[in-house]
Amino acid sequence: AADRAWVALTSEPRRTDQRQHQLKGSLATASVAGRHLEQWQYEQTGAGRIWYCIDDRPHDLARQVSLGHPKQTEKRRR
């Protein structure tokens, strides 16, 4: 699974499918070193996620790797 994630993130970081997509709303961008970058998610397992920012300079930046579903993406129940 880690190898598939590495290949996906390094070969096509902006690929959009069920496993890989840009986050939505306030999570769609993140500030890194004073720059606003696109923030994406790669679903590695049912609950495991890799959040990464795309920098059009030579490399991407992994922001968060989680074995569980990130709480920030859960909708609040009323």
N, C-alpha and C. Protein backbone atom coordinates (compact mmCIF):
# COMPACT_ATOMS: atom_id res chain seq x y z
N ALA A 1 0.83 -1.20 0.00
CA ALA A 1 0.00 0.00 0.00
C ALA A 1 0.87 1.26 0.00
N ALA A 2 1.96 1.23 0.75
CA ALA A 2 2.85 2.40 0.81
C ALA A 2 3.51 2.64 -0.54
N ASP A 3 3.88 1.58 -1.23
CA ASP A 3 4.50 1.71 -2.54
C ASP A 3 3.51 2.30 -3.55
N ARG A 4 2.26 1.82 -3.53
CA ARG A 4 1.24 2.37 -4.44
C ARG A 4 1.00 3.85 -4.16
N ALA A 5 0.98 4.22 -2.88
CA ALA A 5 0.79 5.63 -2.52
C ALA A 5 1.96 6.47 -3.02
N TRP A 6 3.17 6.00 -2.83
CA TRP A 6 4.37 6.72 -3.29
C TRP A 6 4.32 6.95 -4.80
N VAL A 7 4.00 5.91 -5.55
CA VAL A 7 3.92 6.03 -7.01
C VAL A 7 2.85 7.03 -7.41
N ALA A 8 1.67 6.95 -6.78
CA ALA A 8 0.57 7.86 -7.12
C ALA A 8 0.93 9.31 -6.82
N LEU A 9 1.52 9.56 -5.66
CA LEU A 9 1.81 10.93 -5.24
C LEU A 9 2.97 11.54 -6.01
N THR A 10 3.92 10.72 -6.42
CA THR A 10 5.07 11.27 -7.13
C THR A 10 4.87 11.32 -8.64
N SER A 11 4.00 10.48 -9.19
CA SER A 11 3.81 10.50 -10.64
C SER A 11 2.67 11.43 -11.07
N GLU A 12 1.57 11.44 -10.32
CA GLU A 12 0.42 12.28 -10.67
C GLU A 12 -0.20 12.88 -9.40
N PRO A 13 0.43 13.88 -8.81
CA PRO A 13 -0.10 14.42 -7.54
C PRO A 13 -1.48 15.07 -7.67
N ARG A 14 -1.89 15.48 -8.87
CA ARG A 14 -3.21 16.10 -9.05
C ARG A 14 -4.24 15.15 -9.66
N ARG A 15 -3.96 13.88 -9.69
CA ARG A 15 -4.92 12.91 -10.21
C ARG A 15 -6.14 12.91 -9.31
N THR A 16 -7.31 12.88 -9.91
CA THR A 16 -8.55 12.87 -9.14
C THR A 16 -9.28 11.56 -9.41
N ASP A 17 -9.52 10.81 -8.35
CA ASP A 17 -10.32 9.59 -8.42
C ASP A 17 -10.88 9.31 -7.03
N GLN A 18 -11.43 8.12 -6.80
CA GLN A 18 -12.03 7.83 -5.50
C GLN A 18 -11.01 7.84 -4.37
N ARG A 19 -9.77 7.53 -4.68
CA ARG A 19 -8.73 7.42 -3.66
C ARG A 19 -7.96 8.73 -3.46
N GLN A 20 -7.90 9.56 -4.47
CA GLN A 20 -7.04 10.75 -4.46
C GLN A 20 -7.82 11.96 -4.94
N HIS A 21 -7.85 13.02 -4.13
CA HIS A 21 -8.58 14.23 -4.53
C HIS A 21 -8.16 15.41 -3.66
N GLN A 22 -8.47 16.62 -4.15
CA GLN A 22 -8.20 17.81 -3.37
C GLN A 22 -9.24 17.91 -2.27
N LEU A 23 -8.81 18.32 -1.09
CA LEU A 23 -9.75 18.52 0.01
C LEU A 23 -10.67 19.69 -0.32
N LYS A 24 -11.77 19.80 0.39
CA LYS A 24 -12.79 20.80 0.09
C LYS A 24 -12.87 21.87 1.17
N GLY A 25 -13.51 22.97 0.81
CA GLY A 25 -13.77 24.04 1.76
C GLY A 25 -12.49 24.65 2.32
N SER A 26 -12.49 24.89 3.62
CA SER A 26 -11.33 25.54 4.24
C SER A 26 -10.09 24.64 4.25
N LEU A 27 -10.26 23.36 4.00
CA LEU A 27 -9.13 22.43 3.96
C LEU A 27 -8.50 22.33 2.57
N ALA A 28 -9.08 22.99 1.57
CA ALA A 28 -8.59 22.89 0.19
C ALA A 28 -7.22 23.51 0.00
N THR A 29 -6.85 24.42 0.88
CA THR A 29 -5.51 25.02 0.81
C THR A 29 -4.92 25.02 2.21
N ALA A 30 -3.60 25.12 2.26
CA ALA A 30 -2.89 25.20 3.53
C ALA A 30 -1.74 26.17 3.38
N SER A 31 -1.42 26.84 4.45
CA SER A 31 -0.30 27.77 4.44
C SER A 31 0.97 27.03 4.85
N VAL A 32 1.95 27.06 3.97
CA VAL A 32 3.24 26.41 4.22
C VAL A 32 4.32 27.44 3.94
N ALA A 33 5.08 27.77 4.96
CA ALA A 33 6.16 28.76 4.84
C ALA A 33 5.66 30.06 4.21
N GLY A 34 4.45 30.48 4.62
CA GLY A 34 3.89 31.74 4.13
C GLY A 34 3.27 31.68 2.75
N ARG A 35 3.21 30.52 2.16
CA ARG A 35 2.60 30.36 0.82
C ARG A 35 1.34 29.51 0.95
N HIS A 36 0.29 29.86 0.20
CA HIS A 36 -0.94 29.08 0.19
C HIS A 36 -0.84 28.05 -0.92
N LEU A 37 -0.90 26.78 -0.52
CA LEU A 37 -0.77 25.67 -1.47
C LEU A 37 -2.02 24.81 -1.47
N GLU A 38 -2.29 24.16 -2.61
CA GLU A 38 -3.39 23.20 -2.69
C GLU A 38 -3.11 22.07 -1.70
N GLN A 39 -4.16 21.65 -0.98
CA GLN A 39 -4.02 20.53 -0.06
C GLN A 39 -4.87 19.35 -0.56
N TRP A 40 -4.24 18.22 -0.72
CA TRP A 40 -4.87 17.04 -1.28
C TRP A 40 -4.86 15.90 -0.28
N GLN A 41 -5.67 14.89 -0.57
CA GLN A 41 -5.73 13.70 0.27
C GLN A 41 -5.59 12.46 -0.59
N TYR A 42 -4.82 11.50 -0.08
CA TYR A 42 -4.72 10.18 -0.70
C TYR A 42 -5.21 9.18 0.34
N GLU A 43 -6.23 8.40 -0.01
CA GLU A 43 -6.78 7.40 0.90
C GLU A 43 -5.98 6.12 0.73
N GLN A 44 -5.13 5.84 1.70
CA GLN A 44 -4.26 4.68 1.59
C GLN A 44 -4.98 3.40 1.98
N THR A 45 -5.77 3.44 3.03
CA THR A 45 -6.57 2.30 3.47
C THR A 45 -7.97 2.82 3.75
N GLY A 46 -8.83 1.97 4.29
CA GLY A 46 -10.18 2.40 4.60
C GLY A 46 -10.23 3.63 5.47
N ALA A 47 -9.32 3.74 6.43
CA ALA A 47 -9.29 4.90 7.32
C ALA A 47 -7.99 5.69 7.21
N GLY A 48 -6.93 5.08 6.71
CA GLY A 48 -5.63 5.75 6.63
C GLY A 48 -5.59 6.79 5.53
N ARG A 49 -5.05 7.96 5.84
CA ARG A 49 -5.00 9.06 4.88
C ARG A 49 -3.62 9.68 4.85
N ILE A 50 -3.25 10.19 3.69
CA ILE A 50 -2.07 11.03 3.55
C ILE A 50 -2.56 12.37 3.04
N TRP A 51 -2.31 13.41 3.79
CA TRP A 51 -2.60 14.76 3.34
C TRP A 51 -1.31 15.36 2.83
N TYR A 52 -1.37 15.99 1.68
CA TYR A 52 -0.16 16.58 1.12
C TYR A 52 -0.50 17.86 0.38
N CYS A 53 0.49 18.74 0.31
CA CYS A 53 0.34 19.99 -0.41
C CYS A 53 1.15 19.92 -1.69
N ILE A 54 0.61 20.50 -2.73
CA ILE A 54 1.31 20.49 -4.00
C ILE A 54 2.02 21.82 -4.17
N ASP A 55 3.31 21.71 -4.33
CA ASP A 55 4.17 22.86 -4.59
C ASP A 55 4.72 22.65 -6.00
N ASP A 56 4.43 23.55 -6.90
CA ASP A 56 4.87 23.36 -8.29
C ASP A 56 6.38 23.51 -8.46
N ARG A 57 7.05 23.76 -7.37
CA ARG A 57 8.50 23.67 -7.40
C ARG A 57 8.86 22.18 -7.41
N PRO A 58 10.11 21.81 -7.30
CA PRO A 58 10.51 20.43 -7.55
C PRO A 58 9.84 19.31 -6.74
N HIS A 59 9.20 19.58 -5.62
CA HIS A 59 8.67 18.46 -4.84
C HIS A 59 7.41 18.85 -4.07
N ASP A 60 6.68 17.81 -3.63
CA ASP A 60 5.48 17.99 -2.84
C ASP A 60 5.83 17.90 -1.36
N LEU A 61 4.89 18.23 -0.53
CA LEU A 61 5.13 18.21 0.91
C LEU A 61 4.02 17.42 1.59
N ALA A 62 4.39 16.36 2.29
CA ALA A 62 3.41 15.60 3.07
C ALA A 62 3.09 16.41 4.32
N ARG A 63 1.82 16.66 4.57
CA ARG A 63 1.42 17.45 5.73
C ARG A 63 1.02 16.55 6.89
N GLN A 64 0.34 15.45 6.59
CA GLN A 64 -0.18 14.61 7.66
C GLN A 64 -0.37 13.21 7.11
N VAL A 65 0.09 12.24 7.84
CA VAL A 65 -0.17 10.84 7.52
C VAL A 65 -0.89 10.26 8.72
N SER A 66 -2.04 9.66 8.48
CA SER A 66 -2.89 9.22 9.58
C SER A 66 -3.33 7.78 9.38
N LEU A 67 -3.27 6.99 10.44
CA LEU A 67 -3.77 5.62 10.37
C LEU A 67 -5.28 5.58 10.52
N GLY A 68 -5.85 6.64 11.07
CA GLY A 68 -7.29 6.74 11.22
C GLY A 68 -7.82 7.89 10.39
N HIS A 69 -9.12 7.95 10.24
CA HIS A 69 -9.76 9.00 9.45
C HIS A 69 -9.54 10.34 10.13
N PRO A 70 -9.01 11.37 9.42
CA PRO A 70 -8.80 12.69 10.05
C PRO A 70 -10.12 13.30 10.52
N LYS A 71 -10.15 13.74 11.77
CA LYS A 71 -11.38 14.30 12.35
C LYS A 71 -11.80 15.59 11.66
N GLN A 72 -10.85 16.32 11.05
CA GLN A 72 -11.18 17.60 10.42
C GLN A 72 -12.15 17.44 9.26
N THR A 73 -12.22 16.26 8.65
CA THR A 73 -13.09 16.08 7.49
C THR A 73 -14.46 15.55 7.85
N GLU A 74 -14.68 15.23 9.11
CA GLU A 74 -15.97 14.70 9.51
C GLU A 74 -16.98 15.82 9.64
N LYS A 75 -18.20 15.54 9.19
CA LYS A 75 -19.27 16.53 9.32
C LYS A 75 -19.83 16.42 10.74
N ARG A 76 -20.10 17.58 11.31
CA ARG A 76 -20.64 17.60 12.68
C ARG A 76 -22.12 17.29 12.64
N ARG A 77 -22.54 16.43 13.55
CA ARG A 77 -23.96 16.09 13.68
C ARG A 77 -24.61 17.07 14.65
N ARG A 78 -25.82 17.42 14.35
CA ARG A 78 -26.54 18.36 15.22
C ARG A 78 -27.59 17.65 16.00
